[in-house]
């Protein structure tokens, strides 16, 4: 896959778009990955996307908007006991909080892509988070092609900031996010 981060950041390599483009998520080929320290080891896992609404403006990145809803009750980790602990009332409390949501509030171009700042709600607690975003297009696609893209989002958050501090004697507070979203232009 070839990197097209500068398209988002600078609006180059393609003719100017008259308006923002709406994209749909290919949920089957997208991954919301996370990891946290577990002593000298790592707990790694994935969580499915329940819904996504993506509007990308390649001429004015600030006009782009992202809304995503995750399904924490379907989260999985590399350690079976950690999967159940993750869903428990001590961590994500999935019975009383069946969704995690993110809505962007600002998209700012960077030299390698963009920073996407938004409000994330976990366990009913909403906090601001900034994720680094990079866009890629499939290998072999022509310059400026925008129909099918992959978006890589990375960032970090504190479990305790959302009241998800259970098992803190075993699991670190920092959760590292790596989200690979495959998207296709509507229309």
N, C-alpha and C. Protein backbone atom coordinates (compact mmCIF):
# COMPACT_ATOMS: atom_id res chain seq x y z
N UNK A 1 0.84 -1.17 0.00
CA UNK A 1 0.00 0.00 0.00
C UNK A 1 0.88 1.23 0.00
N UNK A 2 0.53 2.19 -0.84
CA UNK A 2 1.32 3.42 -0.92
C UNK A 2 0.72 4.48 -0.03
N UNK A 3 1.60 5.21 0.57
CA UNK A 3 1.19 6.26 1.50
C UNK A 3 0.64 7.46 0.76
N UNK A 4 -0.50 7.98 1.19
CA UNK A 4 -1.03 9.20 0.60
C UNK A 4 -1.36 10.22 1.68
N UNK A 5 -0.61 10.20 2.73
CA UNK A 5 -0.87 11.11 3.84
C UNK A 5 -0.84 12.56 3.39
N UNK A 6 0.00 12.90 2.44
CA UNK A 6 0.09 14.29 2.01
C UNK A 6 -1.16 14.76 1.28
N UNK A 7 -1.92 13.83 0.71
CA UNK A 7 -3.19 14.23 0.08
C UNK A 7 -4.09 14.87 1.14
N UNK A 8 -4.19 14.21 2.29
CA UNK A 8 -5.02 14.77 3.35
C UNK A 8 -4.40 16.04 3.90
N UNK A 9 -3.10 16.02 4.10
CA UNK A 9 -2.44 17.15 4.72
C UNK A 9 -2.37 18.36 3.81
N UNK A 10 -2.13 18.18 2.54
CA UNK A 10 -1.90 19.31 1.65
C UNK A 10 -2.86 19.41 0.48
N UNK A 11 -3.67 18.39 0.28
CA UNK A 11 -4.60 18.41 -0.84
C UNK A 11 -3.90 18.29 -2.19
N UNK A 12 -2.75 17.63 -2.24
CA UNK A 12 -1.98 17.49 -3.47
C UNK A 12 -2.27 16.18 -4.16
N UNK A 13 -1.73 16.03 -5.36
CA UNK A 13 -1.72 14.79 -6.13
C UNK A 13 -3.09 14.41 -6.69
N UNK A 14 -4.05 15.31 -6.62
CA UNK A 14 -5.35 15.03 -7.21
C UNK A 14 -6.06 16.35 -7.48
N UNK A 15 -6.95 16.35 -8.44
CA UNK A 15 -7.69 17.57 -8.70
C UNK A 15 -8.50 17.98 -7.48
N UNK A 16 -8.77 19.26 -7.37
CA UNK A 16 -9.54 19.76 -6.25
C UNK A 16 -10.93 19.14 -6.25
N UNK A 17 -11.36 18.73 -5.10
CA UNK A 17 -12.70 18.17 -4.96
C UNK A 17 -13.66 19.31 -4.64
N UNK A 18 -14.81 19.28 -5.26
CA UNK A 18 -15.79 20.35 -5.06
C UNK A 18 -16.40 20.30 -3.67
N UNK A 19 -16.45 19.14 -3.08
CA UNK A 19 -17.08 19.00 -1.77
C UNK A 19 -16.47 17.82 -1.04
N UNK A 20 -16.70 17.73 0.29
CA UNK A 20 -16.21 16.57 1.04
C UNK A 20 -16.79 15.27 0.50
N UNK A 21 -16.05 14.20 0.67
CA UNK A 21 -16.47 12.88 0.19
C UNK A 21 -16.90 12.01 1.36
N UNK A 22 -18.03 11.35 1.23
CA UNK A 22 -18.52 10.46 2.28
C UNK A 22 -18.01 9.05 1.99
N UNK A 23 -17.57 8.38 3.07
CA UNK A 23 -17.03 7.03 2.96
C UNK A 23 -17.80 6.10 3.88
N UNK A 24 -17.83 4.83 3.50
CA UNK A 24 -18.40 3.79 4.35
C UNK A 24 -17.26 2.86 4.78
N UNK A 25 -17.41 2.32 5.95
CA UNK A 25 -16.41 1.44 6.53
C UNK A 25 -16.59 0.02 6.04
N UNK A 26 -15.49 -0.62 5.71
CA UNK A 26 -15.48 -2.06 5.43
C UNK A 26 -15.15 -2.73 6.76
N UNK A 27 -16.19 -2.97 7.55
CA UNK A 27 -16.00 -3.49 8.91
C UNK A 27 -15.32 -4.85 8.97
N UNK A 28 -15.56 -5.69 7.98
CA UNK A 28 -14.96 -7.02 7.97
C UNK A 28 -13.45 -6.97 7.82
N UNK A 29 -12.93 -5.92 7.20
CA UNK A 29 -11.49 -5.81 6.96
C UNK A 29 -10.86 -4.67 7.74
N UNK A 30 -11.54 -4.18 8.75
CA UNK A 30 -11.01 -3.12 9.61
C UNK A 30 -10.75 -3.69 10.99
N UNK A 31 -9.78 -3.11 11.69
CA UNK A 31 -9.40 -3.60 13.01
C UNK A 31 -9.20 -2.45 13.97
N UNK A 32 -9.84 -2.53 15.14
CA UNK A 32 -9.58 -1.61 16.24
C UNK A 32 -8.75 -2.41 17.23
N UNK A 33 -7.46 -2.15 17.24
CA UNK A 33 -6.56 -2.90 18.10
C UNK A 33 -6.15 -2.08 19.30
N UNK A 34 -5.86 -2.77 20.39
CA UNK A 34 -5.41 -2.10 21.61
C UNK A 34 -4.42 -3.01 22.32
N UNK A 35 -3.58 -2.38 23.14
CA UNK A 35 -2.66 -3.15 23.98
C UNK A 35 -2.38 -2.39 25.25
N UNK A 36 -2.08 -3.15 26.30
CA UNK A 36 -1.73 -2.59 27.60
C UNK A 36 -0.68 -3.50 28.22
N UNK A 37 0.13 -2.93 29.09
CA UNK A 37 1.16 -3.71 29.77
C UNK A 37 0.53 -4.65 30.79
N UNK A 38 1.07 -5.85 30.84
CA UNK A 38 0.63 -6.87 31.78
C UNK A 38 1.90 -7.46 32.37
N UNK A 39 2.46 -6.77 33.36
CA UNK A 39 3.77 -7.13 33.89
C UNK A 39 4.80 -6.95 32.79
N UNK A 40 5.60 -7.99 32.53
CA UNK A 40 6.60 -7.95 31.46
C UNK A 40 5.99 -8.30 30.10
N UNK A 41 4.72 -8.63 30.08
CA UNK A 41 4.04 -9.04 28.85
C UNK A 41 3.05 -7.97 28.41
N UNK A 42 2.33 -8.27 27.34
CA UNK A 42 1.31 -7.37 26.82
C UNK A 42 -0.02 -8.08 26.71
N UNK A 43 -1.07 -7.35 27.01
CA UNK A 43 -2.41 -7.80 26.66
C UNK A 43 -2.75 -7.08 25.37
N UNK A 44 -3.04 -7.87 24.35
CA UNK A 44 -3.42 -7.30 23.05
C UNK A 44 -4.83 -7.74 22.75
N UNK A 45 -5.56 -6.87 22.06
CA UNK A 45 -6.92 -7.25 21.72
C UNK A 45 -7.48 -6.45 20.57
N UNK A 46 -8.70 -6.80 20.22
CA UNK A 46 -9.43 -6.13 19.15
C UNK A 46 -10.87 -5.94 19.57
N UNK A 47 -11.48 -4.90 19.00
CA UNK A 47 -12.87 -4.59 19.28
C UNK A 47 -13.53 -4.24 17.95
N UNK A 48 -14.71 -4.79 17.67
CA UNK A 48 -15.36 -4.49 16.39
C UNK A 48 -16.01 -3.10 16.37
N UNK A 49 -16.10 -2.57 15.16
CA UNK A 49 -16.78 -1.31 14.93
C UNK A 49 -18.26 -1.61 14.68
N UNK A 50 -19.14 -0.98 15.44
CA UNK A 50 -20.58 -1.18 15.26
C UNK A 50 -21.15 -0.25 14.20
N UNK A 51 -20.59 0.98 14.11
CA UNK A 51 -21.07 1.95 13.13
C UNK A 51 -19.98 2.99 12.90
N UNK A 52 -20.00 3.58 11.70
CA UNK A 52 -19.04 4.63 11.37
C UNK A 52 -19.65 5.57 10.35
N UNK A 53 -19.35 6.85 10.49
CA UNK A 53 -19.76 7.88 9.55
C UNK A 53 -18.52 8.73 9.27
N UNK A 54 -18.04 8.70 8.03
CA UNK A 54 -16.79 9.35 7.67
C UNK A 54 -17.01 10.33 6.54
N UNK A 55 -16.60 11.57 6.74
CA UNK A 55 -16.69 12.61 5.73
C UNK A 55 -15.29 13.21 5.62
N UNK A 56 -14.64 13.02 4.46
CA UNK A 56 -13.26 13.50 4.28
C UNK A 56 -13.23 14.61 3.24
N UNK A 57 -12.57 15.69 3.61
CA UNK A 57 -12.41 16.82 2.70
C UNK A 57 -10.91 16.94 2.40
N UNK A 58 -10.52 16.59 1.19
CA UNK A 58 -9.11 16.58 0.81
C UNK A 58 -8.57 17.97 0.51
N UNK A 59 -9.45 18.95 0.33
CA UNK A 59 -9.02 20.32 0.09
C UNK A 59 -8.95 21.12 1.37
N UNK A 60 -9.74 20.76 2.37
CA UNK A 60 -9.79 21.47 3.64
C UNK A 60 -9.95 20.42 4.74
N UNK A 61 -8.81 19.91 5.23
CA UNK A 61 -8.84 18.82 6.22
C UNK A 61 -9.70 19.17 7.43
N UNK A 62 -9.73 20.44 7.81
CA UNK A 62 -10.51 20.86 8.98
C UNK A 62 -12.01 20.61 8.80
N UNK A 63 -12.47 20.48 7.57
CA UNK A 63 -13.89 20.22 7.30
C UNK A 63 -14.22 18.73 7.37
N UNK A 64 -13.23 17.88 7.57
CA UNK A 64 -13.47 16.43 7.68
C UNK A 64 -14.12 16.11 9.02
N UNK A 65 -14.93 15.06 9.04
CA UNK A 65 -15.63 14.63 10.26
C UNK A 65 -15.62 13.11 10.34
N UNK A 66 -15.46 12.63 11.58
CA UNK A 66 -15.44 11.19 11.83
C UNK A 66 -16.31 10.91 13.05
N UNK A 67 -17.19 9.93 12.93
CA UNK A 67 -17.97 9.41 14.06
C UNK A 67 -17.87 7.89 14.01
N UNK A 68 -17.52 7.30 15.14
CA UNK A 68 -17.35 5.85 15.20
C UNK A 68 -17.97 5.33 16.50
N UNK A 69 -18.64 4.20 16.40
CA UNK A 69 -19.18 3.52 17.58
C UNK A 69 -18.60 2.12 17.62
N UNK A 70 -18.05 1.75 18.76
CA UNK A 70 -17.45 0.43 18.96
C UNK A 70 -18.36 -0.44 19.81
N UNK A 71 -18.18 -1.76 19.68
CA UNK A 71 -18.96 -2.74 20.44
C UNK A 71 -18.05 -3.44 21.45
N UNK A 72 -17.86 -2.86 22.65
CA UNK A 72 -16.93 -3.46 23.62
C UNK A 72 -17.36 -4.83 24.13
N UNK A 73 -18.65 -5.14 24.05
CA UNK A 73 -19.10 -6.46 24.51
C UNK A 73 -18.61 -7.58 23.59
N UNK A 74 -18.11 -7.22 22.41
CA UNK A 74 -17.56 -8.22 21.48
C UNK A 74 -16.03 -8.14 21.40
N UNK A 75 -15.42 -7.44 22.34
CA UNK A 75 -13.95 -7.33 22.38
C UNK A 75 -13.33 -8.69 22.67
N UNK A 76 -12.15 -8.89 22.15
CA UNK A 76 -11.38 -10.12 22.36
C UNK A 76 -9.94 -9.75 22.66
N UNK A 77 -9.28 -10.57 23.47
CA UNK A 77 -7.86 -10.34 23.75
C UNK A 77 -7.09 -11.63 23.53
N UNK A 78 -5.76 -11.50 23.56
CA UNK A 78 -4.90 -12.66 23.38
C UNK A 78 -4.91 -13.59 24.59
N UNK A 79 -5.48 -13.15 25.70
CA UNK A 79 -5.56 -13.96 26.91
C UNK A 79 -7.04 -14.13 27.28
N UNK A 80 -7.56 -15.36 27.24
CA UNK A 80 -9.00 -15.56 27.49
C UNK A 80 -9.50 -14.94 28.80
N UNK A 81 -8.73 -15.06 29.89
CA UNK A 81 -9.19 -14.48 31.15
C UNK A 81 -9.21 -12.96 31.08
N UNK A 82 -8.34 -12.37 30.27
CA UNK A 82 -8.31 -10.92 30.12
C UNK A 82 -9.53 -10.43 29.34
N UNK A 83 -10.03 -11.23 28.43
CA UNK A 83 -11.23 -10.85 27.67
C UNK A 83 -12.40 -10.67 28.62
N UNK A 84 -12.60 -11.60 29.53
CA UNK A 84 -13.71 -11.50 30.49
C UNK A 84 -13.48 -10.35 31.46
N UNK A 85 -12.25 -10.16 31.92
CA UNK A 85 -11.93 -9.05 32.83
C UNK A 85 -12.18 -7.71 32.14
N UNK A 86 -11.85 -7.62 30.87
CA UNK A 86 -12.04 -6.39 30.09
C UNK A 86 -13.52 -5.98 30.05
N UNK A 87 -14.41 -6.95 29.92
CA UNK A 87 -15.85 -6.69 29.83
C UNK A 87 -16.51 -6.47 31.20
N UNK A 88 -15.79 -6.80 32.27
CA UNK A 88 -16.36 -6.75 33.62
C UNK A 88 -16.67 -5.33 34.07
N UNK A 89 -17.44 -5.23 35.16
CA UNK A 89 -17.78 -3.92 35.73
C UNK A 89 -16.54 -3.16 36.21
N UNK A 90 -15.46 -3.87 36.49
CA UNK A 90 -14.23 -3.22 36.96
C UNK A 90 -13.47 -2.52 35.84
N UNK A 91 -13.77 -2.86 34.59
CA UNK A 91 -13.05 -2.24 33.47
C UNK A 91 -14.05 -1.54 32.55
N UNK A 92 -14.58 -2.20 31.52
CA UNK A 92 -15.45 -1.51 30.56
C UNK A 92 -16.94 -1.55 30.91
N UNK A 93 -17.33 -2.39 31.84
CA UNK A 93 -18.72 -2.46 32.28
C UNK A 93 -19.67 -2.53 31.08
N UNK A 94 -19.46 -3.54 30.24
CA UNK A 94 -20.18 -3.61 28.97
C UNK A 94 -21.69 -3.83 29.12
N UNK A 95 -22.13 -4.41 30.24
CA UNK A 95 -23.59 -4.58 30.43
C UNK A 95 -24.29 -3.24 30.59
N UNK A 96 -23.69 -2.33 31.32
CA UNK A 96 -24.32 -1.02 31.52
C UNK A 96 -23.84 0.03 30.52
N UNK A 97 -22.75 -0.23 29.82
CA UNK A 97 -22.20 0.70 28.82
C UNK A 97 -21.84 -0.08 27.56
N UNK A 98 -22.85 -0.43 26.74
CA UNK A 98 -22.64 -1.31 25.60
C UNK A 98 -21.94 -0.67 24.41
N UNK A 99 -21.64 0.63 24.47
CA UNK A 99 -20.98 1.29 23.34
C UNK A 99 -19.83 2.16 23.82
N UNK A 100 -18.84 2.27 22.95
CA UNK A 100 -17.78 3.27 23.07
C UNK A 100 -17.92 4.13 21.83
N UNK A 101 -17.96 5.44 22.01
CA UNK A 101 -18.15 6.31 20.84
C UNK A 101 -17.03 7.34 20.74
N UNK A 102 -16.76 7.75 19.51
CA UNK A 102 -15.78 8.79 19.22
C UNK A 102 -16.38 9.72 18.16
N UNK A 103 -16.28 11.02 18.39
CA UNK A 103 -16.73 12.01 17.42
C UNK A 103 -15.64 13.07 17.30
N UNK A 104 -15.15 13.28 16.11
CA UNK A 104 -14.08 14.26 15.91
C UNK A 104 -14.60 15.67 16.15
N UNK A 105 -13.71 16.51 16.67
CA UNK A 105 -14.01 17.93 16.86
C UNK A 105 -13.05 18.80 16.05
N UNK A 106 -11.92 18.23 15.63
CA UNK A 106 -10.94 18.98 14.83
C UNK A 106 -10.05 18.01 14.08
N UNK A 107 -9.72 18.37 12.85
CA UNK A 107 -8.75 17.62 12.05
C UNK A 107 -7.72 18.64 11.58
N UNK A 108 -6.46 18.39 11.96
CA UNK A 108 -5.39 19.31 11.61
C UNK A 108 -4.31 18.59 10.82
N UNK A 109 -3.97 19.12 9.64
CA UNK A 109 -2.92 18.49 8.83
C UNK A 109 -1.57 18.51 9.56
N UNK A 110 -0.78 17.48 9.33
CA UNK A 110 0.60 17.40 9.82
C UNK A 110 1.48 17.07 8.62
N UNK A 111 2.78 17.01 8.84
CA UNK A 111 3.70 16.69 7.75
C UNK A 111 3.50 15.27 7.22
N UNK A 112 2.96 14.38 8.04
CA UNK A 112 2.80 12.98 7.62
C UNK A 112 1.36 12.51 7.56
N UNK A 113 0.40 13.38 7.76
CA UNK A 113 -1.00 12.97 7.75
C UNK A 113 -1.85 14.02 8.41
N UNK A 114 -2.44 13.67 9.55
CA UNK A 114 -3.28 14.62 10.27
C UNK A 114 -3.39 14.18 11.73
N UNK A 115 -3.71 15.13 12.59
CA UNK A 115 -4.10 14.83 13.96
C UNK A 115 -5.61 14.99 14.03
N UNK A 116 -6.27 13.96 14.53
CA UNK A 116 -7.72 13.97 14.66
C UNK A 116 -8.04 14.06 16.15
N UNK A 117 -8.57 15.19 16.56
CA UNK A 117 -8.96 15.39 17.95
C UNK A 117 -10.46 15.19 18.05
N UNK A 118 -10.88 14.55 19.13
CA UNK A 118 -12.30 14.32 19.29
C UNK A 118 -12.65 13.93 20.70
N UNK A 119 -13.93 13.68 20.90
CA UNK A 119 -14.44 13.28 22.20
C UNK A 119 -14.74 11.79 22.17
N UNK A 120 -14.14 11.07 23.10
CA UNK A 120 -14.37 9.64 23.21
C UNK A 120 -15.13 9.39 24.51
N UNK A 121 -16.14 8.54 24.43
CA UNK A 121 -16.95 8.21 25.60
C UNK A 121 -16.78 6.73 25.90
N UNK A 122 -16.27 6.46 27.10
CA UNK A 122 -16.06 5.09 27.60
C UNK A 122 -16.68 5.03 28.98
N UNK A 123 -17.52 4.05 29.23
CA UNK A 123 -18.18 3.89 30.54
C UNK A 123 -18.99 5.13 30.92
N UNK A 124 -19.50 5.85 29.95
CA UNK A 124 -20.28 7.05 30.23
C UNK A 124 -19.46 8.28 30.56
N UNK A 125 -18.14 8.16 30.49
CA UNK A 125 -17.23 9.28 30.76
C UNK A 125 -16.67 9.76 29.42
N UNK A 126 -16.77 11.06 29.18
CA UNK A 126 -16.29 11.64 27.92
C UNK A 126 -15.04 12.47 28.16
N UNK A 127 -14.03 12.21 27.36
CA UNK A 127 -12.75 12.94 27.44
C UNK A 127 -12.28 13.24 26.03
N UNK A 128 -11.43 14.22 25.93
CA UNK A 128 -10.82 14.55 24.63
C UNK A 128 -9.60 13.67 24.41
N UNK A 129 -9.42 13.26 23.18
CA UNK A 129 -8.25 12.47 22.79
C UNK A 129 -7.82 12.93 21.39
N UNK A 130 -6.52 12.85 21.13
CA UNK A 130 -6.01 13.16 19.80
C UNK A 130 -5.33 11.92 19.26
N UNK A 131 -5.71 11.55 18.04
CA UNK A 131 -5.15 10.39 17.36
C UNK A 131 -4.37 10.86 16.14
N UNK A 132 -3.25 10.23 15.86
CA UNK A 132 -2.49 10.51 14.64
C UNK A 132 -3.10 9.69 13.52
N UNK A 133 -3.34 10.32 12.37
CA UNK A 133 -3.97 9.64 11.24
C UNK A 133 -3.07 9.67 10.03
N UNK A 134 -3.04 8.56 9.31
CA UNK A 134 -2.34 8.46 8.04
C UNK A 134 -3.26 7.75 7.07
N UNK A 135 -3.24 8.20 5.82
CA UNK A 135 -4.05 7.59 4.77
C UNK A 135 -3.15 6.81 3.81
N UNK A 136 -3.67 5.70 3.34
CA UNK A 136 -2.97 4.87 2.37
C UNK A 136 -3.95 4.50 1.27
N UNK A 137 -3.43 4.26 0.10
CA UNK A 137 -4.27 3.72 -0.97
C UNK A 137 -3.66 2.38 -1.38
N UNK A 138 -4.46 1.52 -2.00
CA UNK A 138 -3.97 0.18 -2.36
C UNK A 138 -2.78 0.25 -3.32
N UNK A 139 -1.89 -0.69 -3.15
CA UNK A 139 -0.73 -0.80 -4.04
C UNK A 139 -1.21 -0.91 -5.49
N UNK A 140 -0.56 -0.15 -6.36
CA UNK A 140 -0.90 -0.21 -7.78
C UNK A 140 -2.00 0.76 -8.19
N UNK A 141 -2.60 1.46 -7.24
CA UNK A 141 -3.65 2.41 -7.63
C UNK A 141 -3.00 3.67 -8.20
N UNK A 142 -3.74 4.36 -9.03
CA UNK A 142 -3.19 5.53 -9.70
C UNK A 142 -3.08 6.72 -8.73
N UNK A 143 -2.17 7.65 -8.99
CA UNK A 143 -2.03 8.84 -8.13
C UNK A 143 -3.36 9.58 -8.01
N UNK A 144 -3.69 9.98 -6.83
CA UNK A 144 -4.92 10.71 -6.59
C UNK A 144 -6.16 9.85 -6.43
N UNK A 145 -6.04 8.54 -6.59
CA UNK A 145 -7.17 7.63 -6.44
C UNK A 145 -7.70 7.74 -5.01
N UNK A 146 -9.01 7.91 -4.88
CA UNK A 146 -9.62 8.11 -3.56
C UNK A 146 -10.82 7.20 -3.29
N UNK A 147 -11.09 6.25 -4.17
CA UNK A 147 -12.28 5.42 -3.99
C UNK A 147 -12.14 4.43 -2.85
N UNK A 148 -10.97 3.82 -2.73
CA UNK A 148 -10.71 2.85 -1.67
C UNK A 148 -9.45 3.29 -0.93
N UNK A 149 -9.57 3.43 0.38
CA UNK A 149 -8.45 3.90 1.20
C UNK A 149 -8.34 3.07 2.47
N UNK A 150 -7.19 3.17 3.10
CA UNK A 150 -7.01 2.63 4.44
C UNK A 150 -6.56 3.80 5.32
N UNK A 151 -7.14 3.87 6.50
CA UNK A 151 -6.80 4.92 7.46
C UNK A 151 -6.20 4.24 8.68
N UNK A 152 -5.00 4.67 9.04
CA UNK A 152 -4.35 4.16 10.25
C UNK A 152 -4.40 5.26 11.30
N UNK A 153 -5.01 4.96 12.43
CA UNK A 153 -5.10 5.89 13.56
C UNK A 153 -4.35 5.28 14.73
N UNK A 154 -3.51 6.08 15.37
CA UNK A 154 -2.77 5.61 16.54
C UNK A 154 -2.88 6.64 17.65
N UNK A 155 -2.84 6.18 18.87
CA UNK A 155 -2.90 7.08 20.02
C UNK A 155 -2.83 6.32 21.32
N UNK A 156 -3.01 7.06 22.40
CA UNK A 156 -2.93 6.48 23.75
C UNK A 156 -4.00 7.11 24.62
N UNK A 157 -4.45 6.36 25.61
CA UNK A 157 -5.35 6.92 26.61
C UNK A 157 -5.15 6.23 27.94
N UNK A 158 -5.64 6.88 28.99
CA UNK A 158 -5.54 6.37 30.35
C UNK A 158 -6.84 5.65 30.70
N UNK A 159 -6.74 4.40 31.15
CA UNK A 159 -7.92 3.65 31.59
C UNK A 159 -8.58 4.35 32.78
N UNK A 160 -7.74 4.79 33.73
CA UNK A 160 -8.25 5.40 34.96
C UNK A 160 -9.06 6.67 34.67
N UNK A 161 -8.71 7.41 33.63
CA UNK A 161 -9.43 8.65 33.30
C UNK A 161 -10.89 8.38 32.95
N UNK A 162 -11.21 7.13 32.59
CA UNK A 162 -12.57 6.76 32.23
C UNK A 162 -13.22 5.86 33.29
N UNK A 163 -12.56 5.70 34.44
CA UNK A 163 -13.10 4.85 35.48
C UNK A 163 -12.93 3.37 35.20
N UNK A 164 -12.07 3.02 34.25
CA UNK A 164 -11.86 1.62 33.86
C UNK A 164 -10.57 1.08 34.49
N UNK A 165 -10.36 1.38 35.76
CA UNK A 165 -9.08 1.11 36.42
C UNK A 165 -8.99 -0.24 37.10
N UNK A 166 -9.96 -1.12 36.89
CA UNK A 166 -9.92 -2.43 37.52
C UNK A 166 -8.65 -3.20 37.19
N UNK A 167 -8.20 -4.00 38.14
CA UNK A 167 -7.02 -4.87 37.99
C UNK A 167 -5.74 -4.05 37.78
N UNK A 168 -5.70 -2.83 38.34
CA UNK A 168 -4.54 -1.95 38.15
C UNK A 168 -3.26 -2.51 38.77
N UNK A 169 -3.40 -3.47 39.69
CA UNK A 169 -2.21 -4.13 40.24
C UNK A 169 -1.58 -5.09 39.24
N UNK A 170 -2.32 -5.44 38.16
CA UNK A 170 -1.83 -6.37 37.15
C UNK A 170 -1.63 -5.73 35.77
N UNK A 171 -2.47 -4.76 35.45
CA UNK A 171 -2.50 -4.19 34.10
C UNK A 171 -2.16 -2.71 34.17
N UNK A 172 -1.30 -2.24 33.28
CA UNK A 172 -0.92 -0.84 33.24
C UNK A 172 -2.09 0.07 32.90
N UNK A 173 -1.95 1.34 33.24
CA UNK A 173 -3.01 2.32 32.99
C UNK A 173 -3.09 2.74 31.53
N UNK A 174 -1.97 2.82 30.86
CA UNK A 174 -1.95 3.30 29.48
C UNK A 174 -2.44 2.23 28.51
N UNK A 175 -3.38 2.63 27.65
CA UNK A 175 -3.87 1.77 26.58
C UNK A 175 -3.41 2.39 25.27
N UNK A 176 -2.70 1.61 24.48
CA UNK A 176 -2.22 2.08 23.18
C UNK A 176 -3.17 1.57 22.10
N UNK A 177 -3.59 2.50 21.24
CA UNK A 177 -4.57 2.19 20.20
C UNK A 177 -3.90 2.13 18.84
N UNK A 178 -4.33 1.18 18.03
CA UNK A 178 -3.89 1.06 16.63
C UNK A 178 -5.11 0.62 15.84
N UNK A 179 -5.67 1.57 15.13
CA UNK A 179 -6.92 1.34 14.42
C UNK A 179 -6.64 1.38 12.93
N UNK A 180 -6.95 0.30 12.24
CA UNK A 180 -6.82 0.25 10.79
C UNK A 180 -8.22 0.14 10.21
N UNK A 181 -8.65 1.22 9.57
CA UNK A 181 -9.99 1.26 8.98
C UNK A 181 -9.87 1.25 7.47
N UNK A 182 -10.49 0.28 6.86
CA UNK A 182 -10.56 0.24 5.39
C UNK A 182 -11.88 0.85 4.99
N UNK A 183 -11.80 1.83 4.10
CA UNK A 183 -13.00 2.59 3.74
C UNK A 183 -13.18 2.64 2.23
N UNK A 184 -14.42 2.79 1.82
CA UNK A 184 -14.76 2.87 0.40
C UNK A 184 -15.70 4.07 0.22
N UNK A 185 -15.41 4.82 -0.84
CA UNK A 185 -16.21 6.01 -1.14
C UNK A 185 -17.64 5.62 -1.48
N UNK A 186 -18.61 6.33 -0.91
CA UNK A 186 -20.02 6.12 -1.25
C UNK A 186 -20.28 6.63 -2.64
N UNK A 187 -21.22 5.99 -3.31
CA UNK A 187 -21.62 6.49 -4.62
C UNK A 187 -21.11 5.77 -5.75
